[in-house]
Amino acid sequence: MAPDAIGAIGAAESASKRADPFAPLTSQLLAVGDAHEIHLETVGRAEGIPAVYLHGGPGSGCQVDHRRLFDPERFHAVLFDQRGAGRSRPRGGREHNTLPHLIADMETIREKLGIARWIVVGGSWGATLALAYAQAHADRVAGIVLRATFLGTRSELEGAFLDALPRFYPDLFEDFIGLLPEHERTTPLDAYWRRILDPDPAVHTPFARAWHDTERCLSELVPARRRLDRHSSHQPKSLPATPFMEAHYFQNDCFMRPSQLLEEAGKLGKIPGIIVQGRYDLLCPPATSRALAAVWRDAEIRVVEGAGHTLYDPGVRDAVMRAIADVASRISG
């Protein structure tokens, strides 16, 4: 996008700010190196408490509603689409796209905005990135709010797709596993990731869609669909973006050592934190949050009863907003 186009967007958003308190204060594409440009926006009050929001996936991107998690009179919130995600460029780019790259991008953003310390907020994969960043730059983190703790380990993925899925949705598991030849069903996750990353659409299309639809079922408390549609799974139109980025990260163990985030949780020290946890989250179950809080002593777990994984399950969004406000009060006090 040309600079004058970015300026026009900024002017339009400044005008809309008067009518919408959640309209961006600023919006831009920020070059971070390696031919990547990050879509970055700020909302709220420029003099407010700095906070940064980390979206999930990896690969999903920020949504307009994520701005509304932050009281615009109290916060100066920063939202950005991670490399290859959302409005960042190149769209879907996986080259030079690793966890250390994302952590470095956050530091580039923080320094560009002149922020000394900020509250870090993230859910699911956003929680993974939040923890990795805080462990690398603890002196830059004033507080942490997590939703649906994901530590980026293979055992968590196996727990979701190879344990929870057949126990709670046995028919869907049969659909999921049935796409693979029988000799590959002993290592189905590796087989899925390999096919999703295959450049041939005839290979990756059905597996990308099946991964997306299965993961969506696991993420919803009451899923709309509990079986895979074999016909639509082979249609190349409107393929979701997240399976490709997820396969890239998961195939590489999220670019971390096994159990790295749990082993290094002591680096979080006295950083105050609140973990919002859905009781019936099949992707990121309560035991994971409990294991993290056992090491990170300044973390408080708030369980939302009757909720699963997503931000929009009953009570979860409100709990995240309260957690952000409460962490801000603790650091202000």
C-alpha atoms as a PDB file:
ATOM      1  CA  MET A   1       0.000   0.000   0.000  1.00  0.00           C
ATOM      2  CA  ALA A   2       1.344   3.412  -0.937  1.00  0.00           C
ATOM      3  CA  PRO A   3       2.091   5.974   1.829  1.00  0.00           C
ATOM      4  CA  ASP A   4      -0.639   8.336   0.595  1.00  0.00           C
ATOM      5  CA  ALA A   5      -3.159   5.503   0.816  1.00  0.00           C
ATOM      6  CA  ILE A   6      -2.103   4.798   4.395  1.00  0.00           C
ATOM      7  CA  GLY A   7      -2.457   8.495   5.198  1.00  0.00           C
ATOM      8  CA  ALA A   8      -5.958   8.552   3.736  1.00  0.00           C
ATOM      9  CA  ILE A   9      -6.916   5.598   5.914  1.00  0.00           C
ATOM     10  CA  GLY A  10      -5.489   7.343   8.957  1.00  0.00           C
ATOM     11  CA  ALA A  11      -7.439  10.539   8.221  1.00  0.00           C
ATOM     12  CA  ALA A  12     -10.693   8.637   7.763  1.00  0.00           C
ATOM     13  CA  GLU A  13     -10.145   6.734  10.991  1.00  0.00           C
ATOM     14  CA  SER A  14      -9.346   9.951  12.879  1.00  0.00           C
ATOM     15  CA  ALA A  15     -12.656  11.406  11.702  1.00  0.00           C
ATOM     16  CA  SER A  16     -14.585   8.294  12.683  1.00  0.00           C
ATOM     17  CA  LYS A  17     -12.956   8.354  16.120  1.00  0.00           C
ATOM     18  CA  ARG A  18     -15.225  11.221  17.093  1.00  0.00           C
ATOM     19  CA  ALA A  19     -18.283   9.036  16.523  1.00  0.00           C
ATOM     20  CA  ASP A  20     -16.801   5.687  17.593  1.00  0.00           C
ATOM     21  CA  PRO A  21     -14.609   5.599  20.727  1.00  0.00           C
ATOM     22  CA  PHE A  22     -13.157   2.290  19.505  1.00  0.00           C
ATOM     23  CA  ALA A  23     -12.064   3.602  16.115  1.00  0.00           C
ATOM     24  CA  PRO A  24      -8.277   3.424  15.667  1.00  0.00           C
ATOM     25  CA  LEU A  25      -6.137   6.337  16.769  1.00  0.00           C
ATOM     26  CA  THR A  26      -3.543   5.212  14.228  1.00  0.00           C
ATOM     27  CA  SER A  27      -3.330   2.538  11.559  1.00  0.00           C
ATOM     28  CA  GLN A  28      -0.357   1.576   9.424  1.00  0.00           C
ATOM     29  CA  LEU A  29       1.687  -1.115   7.766  1.00  0.00           C
ATOM     30  CA  LEU A  30       4.987  -1.354   9.630  1.00  0.00           C
ATOM     31  CA  ALA A  31       8.001  -2.861   7.879  1.00  0.00           C
ATOM     32  CA  VAL A  32       9.740  -5.284  10.243  1.00  0.00           C
ATOM     33  CA  GLY A  33      12.300  -6.781   7.886  1.00  0.00           C
ATOM     34  CA  ASP A  34      12.516 -10.009   5.850  1.00  0.00           C
ATOM     35  CA  ALA A  35      10.015  -8.476   3.373  1.00  0.00           C
ATOM     36  CA  HIS A  36       7.267  -8.588   6.045  1.00  0.00           C
ATOM     37  CA  GLU A  37       4.929  -5.681   6.810  1.00  0.00           C
ATOM     38  CA  ILE A  38       2.826  -5.807   9.971  1.00  0.00           C
ATOM     39  CA  HIS A  39      -0.629  -4.257  10.115  1.00  0.00           C
ATOM     40  CA  LEU A  40      -0.622  -2.192  13.303  1.00  0.00           C
ATOM     41  CA  GLU A  41      -3.302  -0.083  14.945  1.00  0.00           C
ATOM     42  CA  THR A  42      -3.771   1.690  18.249  1.00  0.00           C
ATOM     43  CA  VAL A  43      -7.062   2.461  19.993  1.00  0.00           C
ATOM     44  CA  GLY A  44      -8.226   4.256  23.105  1.00  0.00           C
ATOM     45  CA  ARG A  45      -6.374   7.201  24.620  1.00  0.00           C
ATOM     46  CA  ALA A  46      -2.766   8.028  23.709  1.00  0.00           C
ATOM     47  CA  GLU A  47      -2.017   8.828  27.375  1.00  0.00           C
ATOM     48  CA  GLY A  48      -3.753   5.694  28.630  1.00  0.00           C
ATOM     49  CA  ILE A  49      -2.324   2.525  30.162  1.00  0.00           C
ATOM     50  CA  PRO A  50      -0.377   0.708  27.408  1.00  0.00           C
ATOM     51  CA  ALA A  51      -1.577  -2.771  26.491  1.00  0.00           C
ATOM     52  CA  VAL A  52      -0.988  -5.069  23.533  1.00  0.00           C
ATOM     53  CA  TYR A  53      -3.417  -7.670  22.209  1.00  0.00           C
ATOM     54  CA  LEU A  54      -2.129 -10.913  20.665  1.00  0.00           C
ATOM     55  CA  HIS A  55      -4.518 -12.805  18.408  1.00  0.00           C
ATOM     56  CA  GLY A  56      -4.770 -16.556  18.118  1.00  0.00           C
ATOM     57  CA  GLY A  57      -4.169 -19.134  15.452  1.00  0.00           C
ATOM     58  CA  PRO A  58      -1.363 -18.813  14.659  1.00  0.00           C
ATOM     59  CA  GLY A  59      -2.524 -17.039  11.538  1.00  0.00           C
ATOM     60  CA  SER A  60      -5.993 -15.716  12.365  1.00  0.00           C
ATOM     61  CA  GLY A  61      -5.488 -11.933  12.727  1.00  0.00           C
ATOM     62  CA  CYS A  62      -7.136  -9.274  14.898  1.00  0.00           C
ATOM     63  CA  GLN A  63     -10.850  -8.494  14.656  1.00  0.00           C
ATOM     64  CA  VAL A  64     -12.728  -5.238  15.190  1.00  0.00           C
ATOM     65  CA  ASP A  65     -14.322  -6.590  18.364  1.00  0.00           C
ATOM     66  CA  HIS A  66     -10.899  -7.146  19.949  1.00  0.00           C
ATOM     67  CA  ARG A  67     -10.613  -3.367  20.288  1.00  0.00           C
ATOM     68  CA  ARG A  68     -13.641  -3.416  22.568  1.00  0.00           C
ATOM     69  CA  LEU A  69     -11.877  -5.507  25.200  1.00  0.00           C
ATOM     70  CA  PHE A  70     -10.126  -2.318  26.313  1.00  0.00           C
ATOM     71  CA  ASP A  71     -11.866   0.648  27.964  1.00  0.00           C
ATOM     72  CA  PRO A  72     -11.061   3.486  25.519  1.00  0.00           C
ATOM     73  CA  GLU A  73     -10.986   6.036  28.340  1.00  0.00           C
ATOM     74  CA  ARG A  74      -8.447   4.051  30.304  1.00  0.00           C
ATOM     75  CA  PHE A  75      -6.171   2.215  27.856  1.00  0.00           C
ATOM     76  CA  HIS A  76      -3.825   2.857  24.983  1.00  0.00           C
ATOM     77  CA  ALA A  77      -4.274  -0.508  23.289  1.00  0.00           C
ATOM     78  CA  VAL A  78      -2.063  -1.850  20.513  1.00  0.00           C
ATOM     79  CA  LEU A  79      -3.393  -4.490  18.115  1.00  0.00           C
ATOM     80  CA  PHE A  80      -1.411  -6.027  15.280  1.00  0.00           C
ATOM     81  CA  ASP A  81      -1.718  -8.867  12.820  1.00  0.00           C
ATOM     82  CA  GLN A  82       1.225 -11.221  13.222  1.00  0.00           C
ATOM     83  CA  ARG A  83       3.454 -12.111  10.272  1.00  0.00           C
ATOM     84  CA  GLY A  84       1.461 -13.645   7.449  1.00  0.00           C
ATOM     85  CA  ALA A  85      -1.866 -13.123   9.240  1.00  0.00           C
ATOM     86  CA  GLY A  86      -4.853 -10.839   8.714  1.00  0.00           C
ATOM     87  CA  ARG A  87      -3.922  -7.637   6.900  1.00  0.00           C
ATOM     88  CA  SER A  88      -0.169  -8.121   7.261  1.00  0.00           C
ATOM     89  CA  ARG A  89       1.915  -8.775   4.153  1.00  0.00           C
ATOM     90  CA  PRO A  90       2.716 -11.054   2.490  1.00  0.00           C
ATOM     91  CA  ARG A  91      -0.563 -12.713   3.340  1.00  0.00           C
ATOM     92  CA  GLY A  92       0.088 -16.232   4.527  1.00  0.00           C
ATOM     93  CA  GLY A  93       3.844 -15.728   4.277  1.00  0.00           C
ATOM     94  CA  ARG A  94       5.650 -18.446   6.225  1.00  0.00           C
ATOM     95  CA  GLU A  95       9.224 -17.630   5.275  1.00  0.00           C
ATOM     96  CA  HIS A  96      11.061 -15.860   8.110  1.00  0.00           C
ATOM     97  CA  ASN A  97       8.025 -16.545  10.268  1.00  0.00           C
ATOM     98  CA  THR A  98       8.930 -18.131  13.619  1.00  0.00           C
ATOM     99  CA  LEU A  99       8.206 -17.472  17.267  1.00  0.00           C
ATOM    100  CA  PRO A 100      11.477 -15.508  17.724  1.00  0.00           C
ATOM    101  CA  HIS A 101      10.478 -13.358  14.738  1.00  0.00           C
ATOM    102  CA  LEU A 102       7.109 -12.550  16.350  1.00  0.00           C
ATOM    103  CA  ILE A 103       8.789 -11.674  19.644  1.00  0.00           C
ATOM    104  CA  ALA A 104      11.208  -9.370  17.805  1.00  0.00           C
ATOM    105  CA  ASP A 105       8.268  -7.747  15.978  1.00  0.00           C
ATOM    106  CA  MET A 106       6.637  -6.941  19.314  1.00  0.00           C
ATOM    107  CA  GLU A 107       9.797  -5.196  20.453  1.00  0.00           C
ATOM    108  CA  THR A 108       9.926  -3.246  17.190  1.00  0.00           C
ATOM    109  CA  ILE A 109       6.334  -2.130  17.731  1.00  0.00           C
ATOM    110  CA  ARG A 110       6.893  -1.224  21.383  1.00  0.00           C
ATOM    111  CA  GLU A 111       9.975   0.854  20.584  1.00  0.00           C
ATOM    112  CA  LYS A 112       8.295   2.585  17.640  1.00  0.00           C
ATOM    113  CA  LEU A 113       5.373   3.624  19.833  1.00  0.00           C
ATOM    114  CA  GLY A 114       7.655   4.768  22.645  1.00  0.00           C
ATOM    115  CA  ILE A 115       6.132   2.405  25.210  1.00  0.00           C
ATOM    116  CA  ALA A 116       8.320   1.499  28.184  1.00  0.00           C
ATOM    117  CA  ARG A 117       6.133  -1.298  29.600  1.00  0.00           C
ATOM    118  CA  TRP A 118       2.762  -2.696  28.647  1.00  0.00           C
ATOM    119  CA  ILE A 119       0.113  -5.184  29.688  1.00  0.00           C
ATOM    120  CA  VAL A 120       0.237  -8.227  27.402  1.00  0.00           C
ATOM    121  CA  VAL A 121      -3.104  -9.862  26.560  1.00  0.00           C
ATOM    122  CA  GLY A 122      -3.540 -13.044  24.515  1.00  0.00           C
ATOM    123  CA  GLY A 123      -5.728 -16.104  24.132  1.00  0.00           C
ATOM    124  CA  SER A 124      -4.906 -19.615  22.898  1.00  0.00           C
ATOM    125  CA  TRP A 125      -1.955 -19.132  20.504  1.00  0.00           C
ATOM    126  CA  GLY A 126      -1.958 -15.505  21.673  1.00  0.00           C
ATOM    127  CA  ALA A 127      -1.311 -16.849  25.179  1.00  0.00           C
ATOM    128  CA  THR A 128       1.654 -18.824  23.828  1.00  0.00           C
ATOM    129  CA  LEU A 129       3.145 -15.708  22.286  1.00  0.00           C
ATOM    130  CA  ALA A 130       2.351 -13.645  25.392  1.00  0.00           C
ATOM    131  CA  LEU A 131       4.250 -16.070  27.637  1.00  0.00           C
ATOM    132  CA  ALA A 132       7.188 -16.406  25.236  1.00  0.00           C
ATOM    133  CA  TYR A 133       7.488 -12.625  24.928  1.00  0.00           C
ATOM    134  CA  ALA A 134       7.202 -12.061  28.677  1.00  0.00           C
ATOM    135  CA  GLN A 135       9.879 -14.648  29.384  1.00  0.00           C
ATOM    136  CA  ALA A 136      12.194 -12.994  26.853  1.00  0.00           C
ATOM    137  CA  HIS A 137      11.455  -9.401  27.921  1.00  0.00           C
ATOM    138  CA  ALA A 138      10.097  -9.556  31.466  1.00  0.00           C
ATOM    139  CA  ASP A 139      11.302  -6.016  32.185  1.00  0.00           C
ATOM    140  CA  ARG A 140       8.957  -4.711  29.458  1.00  0.00           C
ATOM    141  CA  VAL A 141       5.831  -6.427  30.806  1.00  0.00           C
ATOM    142  CA  ALA A 142       3.701  -4.711  33.442  1.00  0.00           C
ATOM    143  CA  GLY A 143       1.062  -7.435  33.632  1.00  0.00           C
ATOM    144  CA  ILE A 144      -0.368 -10.391  31.720  1.00  0.00           C
ATOM    145  CA  VAL A 145      -3.911 -11.531  30.900  1.00  0.00           C
ATOM    146  CA  LEU A 146      -4.293 -14.955  29.298  1.00  0.00           C
ATOM    147  CA  ARG A 147      -7.336 -16.788  27.985  1.00  0.00           C
ATOM    148  CA  ALA A 148      -7.194 -20.519  27.227  1.00  0.00           C
ATOM    149  CA  THR A 149      -3.567 -21.243  28.053  1.00  0.00           C
ATOM    150  CA  PHE A 150      -1.700 -23.010  25.247  1.00  0.00           C
ATOM    151  CA  LEU A 151       1.964 -23.816  25.919  1.00  0.00           C
ATOM    152  CA  GLY A 152       2.734 -24.745  22.327  1.00  0.00           C
ATOM    153  CA  THR A 153       3.574 -28.400  22.982  1.00  0.00           C
ATOM    154  CA  ARG A 154       2.910 -31.481  20.914  1.00  0.00           C
ATOM    155  CA  SER A 155       1.363 -33.224  23.911  1.00  0.00           C
ATOM    156  CA  GLU A 156      -1.368 -30.557  24.064  1.00  0.00           C
ATOM    157  CA  LEU A 157      -2.179 -31.044  20.383  1.00  0.00           C
ATOM    158  CA  GLU A 158      -2.272 -34.818  20.799  1.00  0.00           C
ATOM    159  CA  GLY A 159      -4.462 -34.372  23.859  1.00  0.00           C
ATOM    160  CA  ALA A 160      -6.975 -32.353  21.849  1.00  0.00           C
ATOM    161  CA  PHE A 161      -7.053 -34.233  18.543  1.00  0.00           C
ATOM    162  CA  LEU A 162      -6.152 -37.765  19.612  1.00  0.00           C
ATOM    163  CA  ASP A 163      -7.695 -37.937  23.097  1.00  0.00           C
ATOM    164  CA  ALA A 164     -10.512 -35.409  23.550  1.00  0.00           C
ATOM    165  CA  LEU A 165     -11.757 -35.701  19.967  1.00  0.00           C
ATOM    166  CA  PRO A 166     -12.412 -39.486  19.962  1.00  0.00           C
ATOM    167  CA  ARG A 167     -13.862 -39.370  23.490  1.00  0.00           C
ATOM    168  CA  PHE A 168     -16.289 -36.489  22.913  1.00  0.00           C
ATOM    169  CA  TYR A 169     -16.884 -36.709  19.151  1.00  0.00           C
ATOM    170  CA  PRO A 170     -16.123 -40.298  18.061  1.00  0.00           C
ATOM    171  CA  ASP A 171     -17.928 -39.920  14.715  1.00  0.00           C
ATOM    172  CA  LEU A 172     -15.990 -36.758  13.899  1.00  0.00           C
ATOM    173  CA  PHE A 173     -12.765 -38.514  14.865  1.00  0.00           C
ATOM    174  CA  GLU A 174     -13.585 -41.285  12.419  1.00  0.00           C
ATOM    175  CA  ASP A 175     -14.112 -38.670   9.708  1.00  0.00           C
ATOM    176  CA  PHE A 176     -10.877 -36.908  10.651  1.00  0.00           C
ATOM    177  CA  ILE A 177      -8.727 -40.019  10.748  1.00  0.00           C
ATOM    178  CA  GLY A 178     -10.519 -41.605   7.798  1.00  0.00           C
ATOM    179  CA  LEU A 179      -9.057 -39.101   5.323  1.00  0.00           C
ATOM    180  CA  LEU A 180      -5.645 -40.686   5.840  1.00  0.00           C
ATOM    181  CA  PRO A 181      -4.405 -43.981   4.404  1.00  0.00           C
ATOM    182  CA  GLU A 182      -4.448 -46.647   7.089  1.00  0.00           C
ATOM    183  CA  HIS A 183      -0.655 -46.905   7.397  1.00  0.00           C
ATOM    184  CA  GLU A 184      -0.436 -43.199   8.377  1.00  0.00           C
ATOM    185  CA  ARG A 185      -3.091 -43.261  11.082  1.00  0.00           C
ATOM    186  CA  THR A 186      -0.541 -44.060  13.789  1.00  0.00           C
ATOM    187  CA  THR A 187       0.915 -40.538  13.359  1.00  0.00           C
ATOM    188  CA  PRO A 188      -2.093 -38.597  12.072  1.00  0.00           C
ATOM    189  CA  LEU A 189      -1.011 -35.107  13.121  1.00  0.00           C
ATOM    190  CA  ASP A 190       2.264 -35.322  11.213  1.00  0.00           C
ATOM    191  CA  ALA A 191       0.410 -36.690   8.203  1.00  0.00           C
ATOM    192  CA  TYR A 192      -2.099 -33.832   8.298  1.00  0.00           C
ATOM    193  CA  TRP A 193       0.559 -31.131   8.623  1.00  0.00           C
ATOM    194  CA  ARG A 194       2.604 -32.627   5.800  1.00  0.00           C
ATOM    195  CA  ARG A 195      -0.385 -32.646   3.468  1.00  0.00           C
ATOM    196  CA  ILE A 196      -1.591 -29.174   4.471  1.00  0.00           C
ATOM    197  CA  LEU A 197       1.827 -27.765   3.587  1.00  0.00           C
ATOM    198  CA  ASP A 198       1.953 -29.595   0.248  1.00  0.00           C
ATOM    199  CA  PRO A 199       1.874 -26.969  -2.550  1.00  0.00           C
ATOM    200  CA  ASP A 200      -0.574 -29.018  -4.633  1.00  0.00           C
ATOM    201  CA  PRO A 201      -4.173 -27.816  -4.001  1.00  0.00           C
ATOM    202  CA  ALA A 202      -5.457 -31.289  -4.765  1.00  0.00           C
ATOM    203  CA  VAL A 203      -3.438 -32.516  -1.790  1.00  0.00           C
ATOM    204  CA  HIS A 204      -3.766 -29.713   0.724  1.00  0.00           C
ATOM    205  CA  THR A 205      -7.382 -28.600   0.152  1.00  0.00           C
ATOM    206  CA  PRO A 206      -9.272 -31.476   1.843  1.00  0.00           C
ATOM    207  CA  PHE A 207      -6.823 -31.662   4.752  1.00  0.00           C
ATOM    208  CA  ALA A 208      -6.732 -27.913   5.412  1.00  0.00           C
ATOM    209  CA  ARG A 209     -10.519 -27.791   5.488  1.00  0.00           C
ATOM    210  CA  ALA A 210     -10.816 -30.933   7.620  1.00  0.00           C
ATOM    211  CA  TRP A 211      -8.281 -29.583  10.129  1.00  0.00           C
ATOM    212  CA  HIS A 212     -10.098 -26.245  10.325  1.00  0.00           C
ATOM    213  CA  ASP A 213     -13.553 -27.780  10.755  1.00  0.00           C
ATOM    214  CA  THR A 214     -12.383 -30.303  13.341  1.00  0.00           C
ATOM    215  CA  GLU A 215     -10.560 -27.666  15.351  1.00  0.00           C
ATOM    216  CA  ARG A 216     -13.627 -25.447  15.213  1.00  0.00           C
ATOM    217  CA  CYS A 217     -15.798 -28.216  16.601  1.00  0.00           C
ATOM    218  CA  LEU A 218     -13.365 -28.716  19.492  1.00  0.00           C
ATOM    219  CA  SER A 219     -13.348 -24.982  20.187  1.00  0.00           C
ATOM    220  CA  GLU A 220     -17.105 -24.507  20.462  1.00  0.00           C
ATOM    221  CA  LEU A 221     -19.135 -25.459  23.501  1.00  0.00           C
ATOM    222  CA  VAL A 222     -22.106 -26.400  21.300  1.00  0.00           C
ATOM    223  CA  PRO A 223     -20.738 -26.861  17.774  1.00  0.00           C
ATOM    224  CA  ALA A 224     -23.102 -26.275  14.880  1.00  0.00           C
ATOM    225  CA  ARG A 225     -21.631 -29.264  13.015  1.00  0.00           C
ATOM    226  CA  ARG A 226     -20.193 -32.481  14.408  1.00  0.00           C
ATOM    227  CA  ARG A 227     -19.201 -34.262  11.193  1.00  0.00           C
ATOM    228  CA  LEU A 228     -16.968 -33.405   8.248  1.00  0.00           C
ATOM    229  CA  ASP A 229     -18.573 -32.615   4.918  1.00  0.00           C
ATOM    230  CA  ARG A 230     -16.606 -34.799   2.506  1.00  0.00           C
ATOM    231  CA  HIS A 231     -17.999 -32.989  -0.549  1.00  0.00           C
ATOM    232  CA  SER A 232     -17.190 -29.419   0.483  1.00  0.00           C
ATOM    233  CA  SER A 233     -13.794 -30.443   1.883  1.00  0.00           C
ATOM    234  CA  HIS A 234     -12.459 -30.819  -1.664  1.00  0.00           C
ATOM    235  CA  GLN A 235     -13.624 -27.387  -2.838  1.00  0.00           C
ATOM    236  CA  PRO A 236     -10.613 -25.034  -3.185  1.00  0.00           C
ATOM    237  CA  LYS A 237     -12.674 -21.843  -2.881  1.00  0.00           C
ATOM    238  CA  SER A 238     -12.406 -19.768   0.292  1.00  0.00           C
ATOM    239  CA  LEU A 239      -9.921 -21.983   2.066  1.00  0.00           C
ATOM    240  CA  PRO A 240      -9.294 -20.823   5.652  1.00  0.00           C
ATOM    241  CA  ALA A 241      -5.838 -19.363   6.266  1.00  0.00           C
ATOM    242  CA  THR A 242      -5.129 -20.685   9.755  1.00  0.00           C
ATOM    243  CA  PRO A 243      -4.497 -24.393   8.955  1.00  0.00           C
ATOM    244  CA  PHE A 244      -1.474 -23.471   6.835  1.00  0.00           C
ATOM    245  CA  MET A 245       0.139 -21.274   9.472  1.00  0.00           C
ATOM    246  CA  GLU A 246      -0.748 -23.729  12.222  1.00  0.00           C
ATOM    247  CA  ALA A 247       0.784 -26.624  10.284  1.00  0.00           C
ATOM    248  CA  HIS A 248       3.939 -24.546   9.746  1.00  0.00           C
ATOM    249  CA  TYR A 249       4.257 -23.794  13.457  1.00  0.00           C
ATOM    250  CA  PHE A 250       3.115 -27.131  14.823  1.00  0.00           C
ATOM    251  CA  GLN A 251       5.347 -29.111  12.476  1.00  0.00           C
ATOM    252  CA  ASN A 252       8.246 -27.133  13.968  1.00  0.00           C
ATOM    253  CA  ASP A 253       7.139 -27.509  17.623  1.00  0.00           C
ATOM    254  CA  CYS A 254       6.224 -23.811  17.604  1.00  0.00           C
ATOM    255  CA  PHE A 255       9.958 -23.111  17.312  1.00  0.00           C
ATOM    256  CA  MET A 256      10.527 -23.930  20.972  1.00  0.00           C
ATOM    257  CA  ARG A 257      12.148 -26.639  23.035  1.00  0.00           C
ATOM    258  CA  PRO A 258       9.729 -29.188  24.535  1.00  0.00           C
ATOM    259  CA  SER A 259       8.061 -27.721  27.662  1.00  0.00           C
ATOM    260  CA  GLN A 260      10.035 -24.491  27.229  1.00  0.00           C
ATOM    261  CA  LEU A 261       7.304 -22.133  28.447  1.00  0.00           C
ATOM    262  CA  LEU A 262       6.588 -24.175  31.559  1.00  0.00           C
ATOM    263  CA  GLU A 263      10.251 -24.685  32.391  1.00  0.00           C
ATOM    264  CA  GLU A 264      10.979 -20.967  32.055  1.00  0.00           C
ATOM    265  CA  ALA A 265       7.830 -19.693  33.769  1.00  0.00           C
ATOM    266  CA  GLY A 266      10.002 -18.676  36.710  1.00  0.00           C
ATOM    267  CA  LYS A 267      11.273 -15.813  34.537  1.00  0.00           C
ATOM    268  CA  LEU A 268       7.857 -14.185  34.921  1.00  0.00           C
ATOM    269  CA  GLY A 269       8.881 -13.381  38.476  1.00  0.00           C
ATOM    270  CA  LYS A 270       6.473 -10.985  40.158  1.00  0.00           C
ATOM    271  CA  ILE A 271       4.579 -10.000  37.026  1.00  0.00           C
ATOM    272  CA  PRO A 272       0.890  -9.949  38.016  1.00  0.00           C
ATOM    273  CA  GLY A 273      -1.354 -12.064  35.847  1.00  0.00           C
ATOM    274  CA  ILE A 274      -4.871 -13.398  35.457  1.00  0.00           C
ATOM    275  CA  ILE A 275      -5.710 -16.538  33.484  1.00  0.00           C
ATOM    276  CA  VAL A 276      -9.288 -16.824  32.193  1.00  0.00           C
ATOM    277  CA  GLN A 277     -10.133 -20.496  31.719  1.00  0.00           C
ATOM    278  CA  GLY A 278     -13.251 -22.117  30.281  1.00  0.00           C
ATOM    279  CA  ARG A 279     -14.231 -25.138  32.354  1.00  0.00           C
ATOM    280  CA  TYR A 280     -14.986 -27.297  29.307  1.00  0.00           C
ATOM    281  CA  ASP A 281     -12.220 -26.162  26.977  1.00  0.00           C
ATOM    282  CA  LEU A 282     -11.252 -29.250  24.941  1.00  0.00           C
ATOM    283  CA  LEU A 283      -8.378 -27.544  23.129  1.00  0.00           C
ATOM    284  CA  CYS A 284      -6.753 -25.853  26.129  1.00  0.00           C
ATOM    285  CA  PRO A 285      -8.077 -27.659  29.217  1.00  0.00           C
ATOM    286  CA  PRO A 286      -7.926 -26.301  32.788  1.00  0.00           C
ATOM    287  CA  ALA A 287      -5.049 -28.623  33.712  1.00  0.00           C
ATOM    288  CA  THR A 288      -2.719 -26.588  31.501  1.00  0.00           C
ATOM    289  CA  SER A 289      -3.561 -23.331  33.246  1.00  0.00           C
ATOM    290  CA  ARG A 290      -3.158 -25.059  36.589  1.00  0.00           C
ATOM    291  CA  ALA A 291       0.298 -26.354  35.659  1.00  0.00           C
ATOM    292  CA  LEU A 292       1.383 -22.854  34.630  1.00  0.00           C
ATOM    293  CA  ALA A 293       0.027 -21.219  37.781  1.00  0.00           C
ATOM    294  CA  ALA A 294       1.867 -23.783  39.917  1.00  0.00           C
ATOM    295  CA  VAL A 295       5.131 -22.282  38.659  1.00  0.00           C
ATOM    296  CA  TRP A 296       4.032 -18.685  38.070  1.00  0.00           C
ATOM    297  CA  ARG A 297       2.933 -17.896  41.607  1.00  0.00           C
ATOM    298  CA  ASP A 298       1.638 -14.391  40.834  1.00  0.00           C
ATOM    299  CA  ALA A 299      -0.970 -15.738  38.427  1.00  0.00           C
ATOM    300  CA  GLU A 300      -4.632 -16.044  39.374  1.00  0.00           C
ATOM    301  CA  ILE A 301      -6.905 -18.502  37.549  1.00  0.00           C
ATOM    302  CA  ARG A 302     -10.505 -17.458  36.946  1.00  0.00           C
ATOM    303  CA  VAL A 303     -12.603 -20.367  35.728  1.00  0.00           C
ATOM    304  CA  VAL A 304     -15.669 -19.571  33.639  1.00  0.00           C
ATOM    305  CA  GLU A 305     -18.233 -22.280  34.292  1.00  0.00           C
ATOM    306  CA  GLY A 306     -20.299 -23.439  31.345  1.00  0.00           C
ATOM    307  CA  ALA A 307     -17.729 -22.213  28.813  1.00  0.00           C
ATOM    308  CA  GLY A 308     -15.374 -23.850  26.366  1.00  0.00           C
ATOM    309  CA  HIS A 309     -12.515 -22.439  24.322  1.00  0.00           C
ATOM    310  CA  THR A 310     -13.702 -19.412  22.391  1.00  0.00           C
ATOM    311  CA  LEU A 311     -13.765 -15.797  23.468  1.00  0.00           C
ATOM    312  CA  TYR A 312     -17.489 -15.760  22.734  1.00  0.00           C
ATOM    313  CA  ASP A 313     -18.625 -18.637  24.887  1.00  0.00           C
ATOM    314  CA  PRO A 314     -20.954 -17.422  27.674  1.00  0.00           C
ATOM    315  CA  GLY A 315     -19.124 -15.288  30.201  1.00  0.00           C
ATOM    316  CA  VAL A 316     -15.658 -15.515  28.654  1.00  0.00           C
ATOM    317  CA  ARG A 317     -15.504 -12.130  26.949  1.00  0.00           C
ATOM    318  CA  ASP A 318     -16.750 -10.341  30.067  1.00  0.00           C
ATOM    319  CA  ALA A 319     -14.240 -12.241  32.193  1.00  0.00           C
ATOM    320  CA  VAL A 320     -11.382 -11.177  29.905  1.00  0.00           C
ATOM    321  CA  MET A 321     -12.480  -7.538  30.054  1.00  0.00           C
ATOM    322  CA  ARG A 322     -12.662  -7.679  33.845  1.00  0.00           C
ATOM    323  CA  ALA A 323      -9.254  -9.346  34.003  1.00  0.00           C
ATOM    324  CA  ILE A 324      -7.679  -6.603  31.860  1.00  0.00           C
ATOM    325  CA  ALA A 325      -9.235  -3.923  34.070  1.00  0.00           C
ATOM    326  CA  ASP A 326      -8.163  -5.699  37.273  1.00  0.00           C
ATOM    327  CA  VAL A 327      -4.563  -6.178  36.162  1.00  0.00           C
ATOM    328  CA  ALA A 328      -4.437  -2.495  35.221  1.00  0.00           C
ATOM    329  CA  SER A 329      -5.696  -1.579  38.695  1.00  0.00           C
ATOM    330  CA  ARG A 330      -3.077  -3.773  40.344  1.00  0.00           C
ATOM    331  CA  ILE A 331      -0.186  -2.214  38.477  1.00  0.00           C
ATOM    332  CA  SER A 332      -1.592   1.290  38.944  1.00  0.00           C
ATOM    333  CA  GLY A 333      -1.953   0.680  42.662  1.00  0.00           C
END
